[in-house]
Amino acid sequence: MREIYHWTEWFSELANKIAEGGEEFLIDRAKRIDWKADGKEPPLLRYGDKKIDPFSFFYSLAQHRSSVNRKLVYRSVENIFNMKHQYSEEQYDSDDAFVFPTANPQNLLYYSNVQADPKLLWNLFRSAVRGLDSVDPKHFDDALELRGVREAKLTQTLFLINSSQFLPCDDKTKTFVDLPPNDEFSWKSYREWLQKVHDIFPSCGPYEINFFAYLYSLWKQKNLPIGNKYFQVSTNAWGENGGDFWQDNDPELDFEPNNWVFTGGPCKGVEWEDYNESKGDARQYPLSAPRPGDVILVKTGQLQGRGIGIVYKNDYQDRLAEDSRIHVMWINKAVCDDLKPTRHYGETVVRLPKQDIPAVAGILL
């Protein structure tokens, strides 16, 4: 399921190229992009070179969500910027590969008919590419004062620029931690809010939190139960023949970077090559049971907790096979070295009050 985060590498590469290339580099290439099939001029190019800034550029890219427009614009960007990271045809047709904030077409720009100060946004952009600790609080607070720019638009664009450091403050993420009132929002309150969110999702990246917030919002609309059931998987299920698949030893197998879990066979002592479903072999593991919204607990041995995930989809429901996976969204990737009985896993790793495991998800969902 790594493809759901491919966009983060794509945008990161683009941001670094623009930060290195500078103002004239961006202006030249923005004019060469195929923004629309009919050839009409996009809002970004309507107000002169001085107002082609990186924030308006990235927010304009986020506007294109239909598969047709997305492919036209992003393919053009890949060619013009000589991108190493490129989308495959399959990814272009998958909505899951483009889960990031969508810009309002009526409010794309940071400067339009107002007096432009490109230096402010370029300074903020270059520091954002480097990371949170490089940002000058005054640059952030001054950008908030631009007309038509408030916390959602600014933090969404920062998230597009550097999704490993920033998180959008919008209706989806505010589900987990409330924001201060608009007139009290600042760089200081944003950093405090970020820390509270990370405390809820230990060791998870902003892009993972954003994807979970998106799906949580979608599932709530559909009344899908979240945290209704929980399941456990051990990372040393293959013992001497495989070892610990949580660690990043093999990127094609590991649980964490792939956002999935799996087993070395359908039941204890039986490997996939020896399994014949048509003969009715016994299945000890309930591989087809986890449903979207259920909780997956990952541990090593009896005492070390590795992670907590929410099921996104389950390949085993369609096919019990070696290459099937249970795809999850990690909500906790912090290691707990002194795990108590499984019942208390959520309390130890997620720092929740003592209660049933379903509350690992349910307490905050």
Protein backbone atom coordinates (compact mmCIF):
# COMPACT_ATOMS: atom_id res chain seq x y z
CA MET A 1 0.00 0.00 0.00
CA ARG A 2 3.02 2.27 -0.33
CA GLU A 3 1.47 3.93 -3.38
CA ILE A 4 -0.85 5.96 -1.15
CA TYR A 5 2.18 8.00 -0.07
CA HIS A 6 3.92 8.26 -3.44
CA TRP A 7 2.66 11.82 -3.76
CA THR A 8 4.81 12.86 -0.76
CA GLU A 9 8.03 11.97 -2.60
CA TRP A 10 6.74 13.60 -5.78
CA PHE A 11 5.92 16.91 -4.07
CA SER A 12 9.10 16.82 -1.98
CA GLU A 13 11.30 16.43 -5.04
CA LEU A 14 9.45 19.25 -6.78
CA ALA A 15 9.77 21.55 -3.75
CA ASN A 16 13.50 20.93 -3.49
CA LYS A 17 14.01 21.63 -7.19
CA ILE A 18 12.13 24.92 -6.93
CA ALA A 19 13.92 25.97 -3.73
CA GLU A 20 17.25 25.37 -5.44
CA GLY A 21 16.25 26.91 -8.77
CA GLY A 22 14.73 30.10 -7.39
CA GLU A 23 12.27 32.70 -8.64
CA GLU A 24 13.14 32.85 -12.32
CA PHE A 25 13.34 29.07 -12.50
CA LEU A 26 9.77 28.72 -11.18
CA ILE A 27 8.39 31.52 -13.36
CA ASP A 28 9.85 30.01 -16.51
CA ARG A 29 8.59 26.51 -15.84
CA ALA A 30 5.17 27.52 -14.53
CA LYS A 31 4.53 29.18 -17.89
CA ARG A 32 5.44 26.00 -19.78
CA ILE A 33 3.09 23.65 -17.92
CA ASP A 34 -0.03 22.36 -19.69
CA TRP A 35 -2.46 23.65 -17.10
CA LYS A 36 -5.64 23.10 -19.10
CA ALA A 37 -6.62 20.96 -22.08
CA ASP A 38 -8.27 23.95 -23.76
CA GLY A 39 -5.09 26.01 -23.41
CA LYS A 40 -6.74 28.69 -21.26
CA GLU A 41 -4.52 30.65 -18.92
CA PRO A 42 -4.72 29.47 -15.28
CA PRO A 43 -5.19 31.96 -12.41
CA LEU A 44 -1.52 31.54 -11.44
CA LEU A 45 -0.38 33.26 -14.65
CA ARG A 46 -2.94 36.09 -14.81
CA TYR A 47 -1.23 38.69 -12.63
CA GLY A 48 2.30 38.90 -13.93
CA ASP A 49 5.61 37.24 -13.16
CA LYS A 50 6.01 38.92 -9.80
CA LYS A 51 3.02 37.08 -8.40
CA ILE A 52 4.05 33.58 -9.45
CA ASP A 53 5.10 32.46 -5.99
CA PRO A 54 5.76 28.90 -4.72
CA PHE A 55 2.75 28.83 -2.39
CA SER A 56 0.30 29.76 -5.14
CA PHE A 57 2.05 27.26 -7.42
CA PHE A 58 1.71 24.29 -5.06
CA TYR A 59 -1.84 25.20 -4.09
CA SER A 60 -2.74 25.40 -7.78
CA LEU A 61 -1.36 21.89 -8.30
CA ALA A 62 -3.62 20.60 -5.52
CA GLN A 63 -6.66 21.90 -7.36
CA HIS A 64 -6.43 19.23 -10.06
CA ARG A 65 -8.23 16.20 -8.65
CA SER A 66 -10.08 14.70 -11.62
CA SER A 67 -8.05 11.90 -13.20
CA VAL A 68 -8.04 13.63 -16.61
CA ASN A 69 -6.83 17.04 -15.41
CA ARG A 70 -4.47 15.49 -12.92
CA LYS A 71 -2.73 13.39 -15.55
CA LEU A 72 -2.45 16.33 -17.96
CA VAL A 73 -0.94 18.71 -15.42
CA TYR A 74 1.22 16.31 -13.44
CA ARG A 75 2.68 14.61 -16.49
CA SER A 76 3.59 18.04 -17.80
CA VAL A 77 5.22 18.93 -14.47
CA GLU A 78 7.18 15.67 -14.50
CA ASN A 79 8.57 16.43 -17.94
CA ILE A 80 9.28 20.14 -17.47
CA PHE A 81 10.95 19.70 -14.08
CA ASN A 82 12.73 16.48 -15.13
CA MET A 83 11.27 14.61 -12.18
CA LYS A 84 12.84 11.41 -10.89
CA HIS A 85 9.64 10.42 -9.07
CA GLN A 86 6.84 9.87 -11.56
CA TYR A 87 3.35 8.45 -11.34
CA SER A 88 2.52 5.22 -13.12
CA GLU A 89 -0.59 4.92 -15.28
CA GLU A 90 -2.19 2.77 -12.59
CA GLN A 91 -1.50 5.38 -9.92
CA TYR A 92 -3.01 8.16 -12.02
CA ASP A 93 -6.27 6.23 -12.08
CA SER A 94 -6.28 5.61 -8.33
CA ASP A 95 -7.84 8.19 -6.02
CA ASP A 96 -5.94 6.59 -3.13
CA ALA A 97 -2.66 7.85 -4.62
CA PHE A 98 -3.73 11.49 -4.30
CA VAL A 99 -5.05 11.89 -0.76
CA PHE A 100 -3.96 15.40 0.12
CA PRO A 101 -5.86 18.68 0.68
CA THR A 102 -7.86 19.93 -2.29
CA ALA A 103 -7.56 23.63 -3.06
CA ASN A 104 -10.61 25.83 -3.51
CA PRO A 105 -10.58 26.92 -7.21
CA GLN A 106 -11.89 30.34 -6.14
CA ASN A 107 -9.05 30.91 -3.67
CA LEU A 108 -5.91 29.45 -5.21
CA LEU A 109 -3.54 32.39 -5.05
CA TYR A 110 -1.66 34.04 -2.24
CA TYR A 111 -1.43 37.29 -4.20
CA SER A 112 -3.83 38.37 -6.91
CA ASN A 113 -4.84 42.02 -7.14
CA VAL A 114 -3.13 42.96 -3.88
CA GLN A 115 0.33 44.41 -3.51
CA ALA A 116 2.80 41.58 -3.93
CA ASP A 117 5.74 40.91 -1.63
CA PRO A 118 7.26 37.75 -3.12
CA LYS A 119 10.19 37.86 -0.71
CA LEU A 120 7.94 36.91 2.24
CA LEU A 121 6.57 33.76 0.62
CA TRP A 122 9.91 32.74 -0.85
CA ASN A 123 11.58 33.02 2.55
CA LEU A 124 8.83 30.97 4.17
CA PHE A 125 8.93 28.43 1.34
CA ARG A 126 12.68 27.83 1.53
CA SER A 127 12.57 27.42 5.30
CA ALA A 128 9.58 25.05 5.04
CA VAL A 129 11.52 22.84 2.63
CA ARG A 130 14.25 22.55 5.27
CA GLY A 131 11.77 21.80 8.07
CA LEU A 132 9.78 23.12 11.02
CA ASP A 133 12.75 24.29 13.03
CA SER A 134 13.97 26.48 10.16
CA VAL A 135 10.78 28.54 9.94
CA ASP A 136 10.88 32.14 11.14
CA PRO A 137 7.71 32.61 13.25
CA LYS A 138 7.30 36.13 11.86
CA HIS A 139 7.21 34.85 8.27
CA PHE A 140 4.45 32.38 9.18
CA ASP A 141 2.43 34.95 11.11
CA ASP A 142 2.82 37.56 8.36
CA ALA A 143 1.65 35.07 5.73
CA LEU A 144 -1.47 34.44 7.82
CA GLU A 145 -2.33 38.13 7.47
CA LEU A 146 -2.44 38.03 3.67
CA ARG A 147 -5.94 38.51 2.33
CA GLY A 148 -7.71 35.21 1.75
CA VAL A 149 -5.06 33.26 3.68
CA ARG A 150 -5.92 31.70 7.03
CA GLU A 151 -4.80 28.65 8.94
CA ALA A 152 -6.34 26.01 6.65
CA LYS A 153 -4.95 27.36 3.38
CA LEU A 154 -1.49 28.14 4.75
CA THR A 155 -0.98 24.86 6.60
CA GLN A 156 -2.40 22.83 3.73
CA THR A 157 0.16 24.37 1.38
CA LEU A 158 2.99 23.85 3.86
CA PHE A 159 1.91 20.21 4.06
CA LEU A 160 2.13 19.88 0.28
CA ILE A 161 5.60 21.41 0.36
CA ASN A 162 6.93 19.22 3.19
CA SER A 163 4.55 16.46 4.26
CA SER A 164 7.06 14.90 6.65
CA GLN A 165 7.09 18.01 8.85
CA PHE A 166 3.80 19.89 8.51
CA LEU A 167 0.16 18.88 8.92
CA PRO A 168 -2.89 20.73 7.59
CA CYS A 169 -5.20 22.37 10.11
CA ASP A 170 -8.50 21.66 8.42
CA ASP A 171 -11.86 20.12 9.23
CA LYS A 172 -10.50 16.57 9.00
CA THR A 173 -7.48 16.90 11.28
CA LYS A 174 -9.25 19.15 13.78
CA THR A 175 -11.27 16.07 14.68
CA PHE A 176 -8.37 14.92 16.86
CA VAL A 177 -7.26 18.18 18.48
CA ASP A 178 -9.19 21.45 18.53
CA LEU A 179 -7.51 24.59 17.22
CA PRO A 180 -7.50 27.96 18.95
CA PRO A 181 -9.89 30.59 17.54
CA ASN A 182 -8.90 32.11 14.19
CA ASP A 183 -7.85 35.40 15.73
CA GLU A 184 -5.50 33.60 18.14
CA PHE A 185 -3.88 31.27 15.62
CA SER A 186 -0.12 31.78 15.21
CA TRP A 187 3.12 29.90 14.65
CA LYS A 188 3.31 29.24 18.39
CA SER A 189 -0.19 27.78 18.61
CA TYR A 190 0.39 25.75 15.43
CA ARG A 191 3.51 24.13 16.90
CA GLU A 192 1.61 23.35 20.11
CA TRP A 193 -1.24 21.84 18.11
CA LEU A 194 1.18 19.71 16.07
CA GLN A 195 2.74 18.31 19.24
CA LYS A 196 -0.67 17.33 20.62
CA VAL A 197 -1.54 15.53 17.40
CA HIS A 198 1.78 13.66 17.39
CA ASP A 199 1.17 12.63 21.00
CA ILE A 200 -2.01 10.90 19.84
CA PHE A 201 -0.25 9.19 16.91
CA PRO A 202 3.20 8.24 18.30
CA SER A 203 5.99 7.96 15.72
CA CYS A 204 3.58 8.43 12.79
CA GLY A 205 4.39 10.88 10.00
CA PRO A 206 2.08 13.82 9.19
CA TYR A 207 1.24 12.23 5.82
CA GLU A 208 0.07 9.07 7.64
CA ILE A 209 -2.02 11.10 10.07
CA ASN A 210 -3.55 13.05 7.20
CA PHE A 211 -4.52 9.87 5.33
CA PHE A 212 -6.11 8.41 8.44
CA ALA A 213 -7.99 11.67 9.08
CA TYR A 214 -9.31 11.55 5.52
CA LEU A 215 -10.50 7.94 5.80
CA TYR A 216 -11.89 8.48 9.28
CA SER A 217 -14.03 11.32 7.96
CA LEU A 218 -15.18 9.16 5.05
CA TRP A 219 -15.96 6.17 7.25
CA LYS A 220 -17.91 8.26 9.74
CA GLN A 221 -20.10 9.52 6.90
CA LYS A 222 -20.80 5.90 5.98
CA ASN A 223 -21.37 4.93 9.64
CA LEU A 224 -18.59 2.34 9.42
CA PRO A 225 -17.73 1.01 12.91
CA ILE A 226 -14.14 1.80 13.91
CA GLY A 227 -12.39 -0.17 16.63
CA ASN A 228 -15.22 -2.71 16.67
CA LYS A 229 -12.87 -5.72 16.67
CA TYR A 230 -9.17 -6.21 17.28
CA PHE A 231 -6.63 -8.72 16.02
CA GLN A 232 -3.03 -9.52 16.88
CA VAL A 233 -0.08 -10.42 14.67
CA SER A 234 3.45 -11.28 15.75
CA THR A 235 6.39 -9.97 13.74
CA ASN A 236 8.44 -13.13 14.34
CA ALA A 237 5.81 -15.47 12.91
CA TRP A 238 8.35 -17.09 10.58
CA GLY A 239 10.84 -17.71 13.39
CA GLU A 240 14.31 -18.78 12.28
CA ASN A 241 13.33 -18.76 8.61
CA GLY A 242 12.28 -15.14 8.48
CA GLY A 243 12.66 -13.12 11.63
CA ASP A 244 11.32 -9.70 12.37
CA PHE A 245 9.46 -8.10 9.49
CA TRP A 246 8.79 -4.86 11.34
CA GLN A 247 12.39 -3.81 10.93
CA ASP A 248 13.39 -2.28 7.60
CA ASN A 249 15.47 -5.22 6.41
CA ASP A 250 13.56 -5.95 3.22
CA PRO A 251 11.39 -3.11 1.86
CA GLU A 252 9.26 -5.62 -0.05
CA LEU A 253 8.31 -7.51 3.11
CA ASP A 254 8.44 -5.17 6.08
CA PHE A 255 5.22 -4.25 7.83
CA GLU A 256 6.00 -0.62 8.62
CA PRO A 257 7.06 0.96 5.29
CA ASN A 258 4.48 -1.01 3.31
CA ASN A 259 1.53 -0.34 5.61
CA TRP A 260 0.54 -3.99 5.69
CA VAL A 261 0.78 -7.20 7.75
CA PHE A 262 0.75 -10.83 6.61
CA THR A 263 1.59 -14.36 7.75
CA GLY A 264 4.00 -16.97 6.47
CA GLY A 265 1.22 -19.51 6.18
CA PRO A 266 -2.51 -19.97 6.78
CA CYS A 267 -2.04 -21.78 10.08
CA LYS A 268 0.60 -22.87 12.54
CA GLY A 269 3.10 -25.28 11.01
CA VAL A 270 1.71 -24.92 7.48
CA GLU A 271 3.39 -22.75 4.86
CA TRP A 272 1.56 -21.34 1.86
CA GLU A 273 3.23 -23.73 -0.59
CA ASP A 274 1.77 -26.66 1.36
CA TYR A 275 -1.71 -25.20 1.68
CA ASN A 276 -4.62 -26.34 -0.47
CA GLU A 277 -7.82 -24.45 0.25
CA SER A 278 -9.87 -26.76 -1.96
CA LYS A 279 -9.03 -29.68 0.33
CA GLY A 280 -10.40 -27.85 3.32
CA ASP A 281 -7.15 -27.52 5.26
CA ALA A 282 -7.66 -26.24 8.77
CA ARG A 283 -6.94 -22.54 9.21
CA GLN A 284 -5.77 -21.44 12.62
CA TYR A 285 -5.36 -17.78 11.68
CA PRO A 286 -8.55 -15.74 11.03
CA LEU A 287 -6.95 -14.02 8.06
CA SER A 288 -10.16 -13.12 6.27
CA ALA A 289 -11.88 -11.81 9.40
CA PRO A 290 -10.42 -8.27 9.75
CA ARG A 291 -12.65 -5.65 8.16
CA PRO A 292 -12.01 -1.97 7.39
CA GLY A 293 -12.00 -0.09 10.68
CA ASP A 294 -10.83 -3.04 12.80
CA VAL A 295 -7.69 -2.76 14.93
CA ILE A 296 -4.44 -4.66 14.29
CA LEU A 297 -1.96 -4.99 17.17
CA VAL A 298 1.62 -5.86 16.21
CA LYS A 299 4.07 -7.35 18.68
CA THR A 300 7.37 -9.21 18.81
CA GLY A 301 7.47 -12.17 21.15
CA GLN A 302 5.48 -11.72 24.34
CA LEU A 303 6.82 -8.45 25.70
CA GLN A 304 7.57 -6.01 22.88
CA GLY A 305 4.81 -3.99 21.24
CA ARG A 306 5.58 -2.66 17.76
CA GLY A 307 2.56 -0.86 16.40
CA ILE A 308 -1.16 -0.34 16.15
CA GLY A 309 -2.94 -0.06 12.83
CA ILE A 310 -6.46 0.34 11.50
CA VAL A 311 -7.46 -2.04 8.69
CA TYR A 312 -7.92 -0.30 5.35
CA LYS A 313 -8.54 -3.36 3.18
CA ASN A 314 -7.93 -7.10 3.42
CA ASP A 315 -6.71 -9.12 0.43
CA TYR A 316 -7.34 -12.38 2.30
CA GLN A 317 -11.08 -11.83 1.99
CA ASP A 318 -10.75 -12.42 -1.75
CA ARG A 319 -7.87 -14.88 -1.84
CA LEU A 320 -5.94 -16.86 0.76
CA ALA A 321 -2.50 -16.75 -0.82
CA GLU A 322 1.13 -15.97 -0.07
CA ASP A 323 1.04 -12.56 -1.77
CA SER A 324 -2.15 -11.42 0.00
CA ARG A 325 -1.86 -8.69 2.62
CA ILE A 326 -3.91 -6.94 5.28
CA HIS A 327 -3.42 -3.27 4.46
CA VAL A 328 -3.40 -0.98 7.47
CA MET A 329 -2.97 2.65 8.42
CA TRP A 330 -0.57 2.96 11.33
CA ILE A 331 -1.85 5.11 14.19
CA ASN A 332 1.00 4.16 16.54
CA LYS A 333 4.51 3.07 15.58
CA ALA A 334 6.17 3.59 18.95
CA VAL A 335 8.03 0.57 20.35
CA CYS A 336 7.10 -0.64 23.83
CA ASP A 337 9.84 -2.83 25.33
CA ASP A 338 7.94 -3.96 28.42
CA LEU A 339 4.60 -5.09 27.10
CA LYS A 340 2.20 -6.44 29.69
CA PRO A 341 -0.58 -8.91 28.86
CA THR A 342 -2.11 -8.19 25.47
CA ARG A 343 -5.23 -6.73 27.05
CA HIS A 344 -3.17 -3.79 28.29
CA TYR A 345 -1.26 -3.19 25.05
CA GLY A 346 -3.29 -0.13 24.20
CA GLU A 347 -2.73 1.37 27.62
CA THR A 348 1.03 0.86 27.47
CA VAL A 349 1.75 1.96 23.94
CA VAL A 350 -0.98 4.47 23.24
CA ARG A 351 -1.04 5.84 26.79
CA LEU A 352 -4.79 5.35 27.17
CA PRO A 353 -6.67 4.65 30.41
CA LYS A 354 -7.30 0.99 31.27
CA GLN A 355 -10.13 -0.31 29.13
CA ASP A 356 -10.89 -2.80 26.39
CA ILE A 357 -8.65 -2.93 23.33
CA PRO A 358 -11.35 -1.64 20.92
CA ALA A 359 -10.95 1.69 22.68
CA VAL A 360 -7.41 1.90 21.27
CA ALA A 361 -9.13 3.30 18.22
CA GLY A 362 -12.49 4.20 19.69
CA ILE A 363 -11.19 6.57 22.37
CA LEU A 364 -10.10 9.09 19.76
CA LEU A 365 -12.22 8.16 16.77
